[in-house]
C-alpha cells in the first residue's frame, strides 16, 4: 500500500509543480470531489453537534472523527490532491505533539492527560536548555539557514530563528 500512496503523492506533487509554474493552467475541480467533501463536512458538523450536546460521548465520537478524517484523506488522494506542503519544515514540538496525541488516543482520557503533562514537561525542559549560557543560534551566510551547536554532542542542529529544532519530512 505504501507504494500506491507514494506514487499518488509523486503524481500530485508533479501536477502541483506544473500548475504553479504555469499561471495559465486552470484546474477544474471534479463535482464528485466537491460533493464528497461536502458530505464529509456534514458528518463532522453532526459529530461536533453531538459532542457539544454531551461531551461525555467523546470516547465514542472520537472514533467517528478519525474515520471521517481518513475518508477525507482517501478522497483527496484519489483525486491527486497533495496533502503535505513540501516547503513546511516540522519542528520537534510538532512531532512530539502528534505522537502524544496519538498515544493519548490509544490510552484514553487518563492517557491523554498524561500525554499533555509529558508535553508540558518536554516544553519546560526544552526552554531550560535554550536558556543555558552556551546556547547560541547561528545563521549560515550561504543558505540563510539557522542552527545551534548541541552542547552535549557538539553537533550542529538545524533550527528556526527562535532556536526550535527542525525536522525535515522527506
Foldseek 3Di string as FASTA:
>chain_A
DVVLLVVLQVVLVVVVVVCVVDVVDDDDDDPVLVVVVVVLVVQVVVLVVVCVVPVVCVLVSVVVVVVSVVVNVVSCSVVSHHDDDQVDWAFPLNVLVVVQVVQCNVVDDVSNVVSVVVSVVVVVVVVVQCPDPQWDWDADPVPRWIWTQRPVPRDTFTDHPVHTGTHRDD
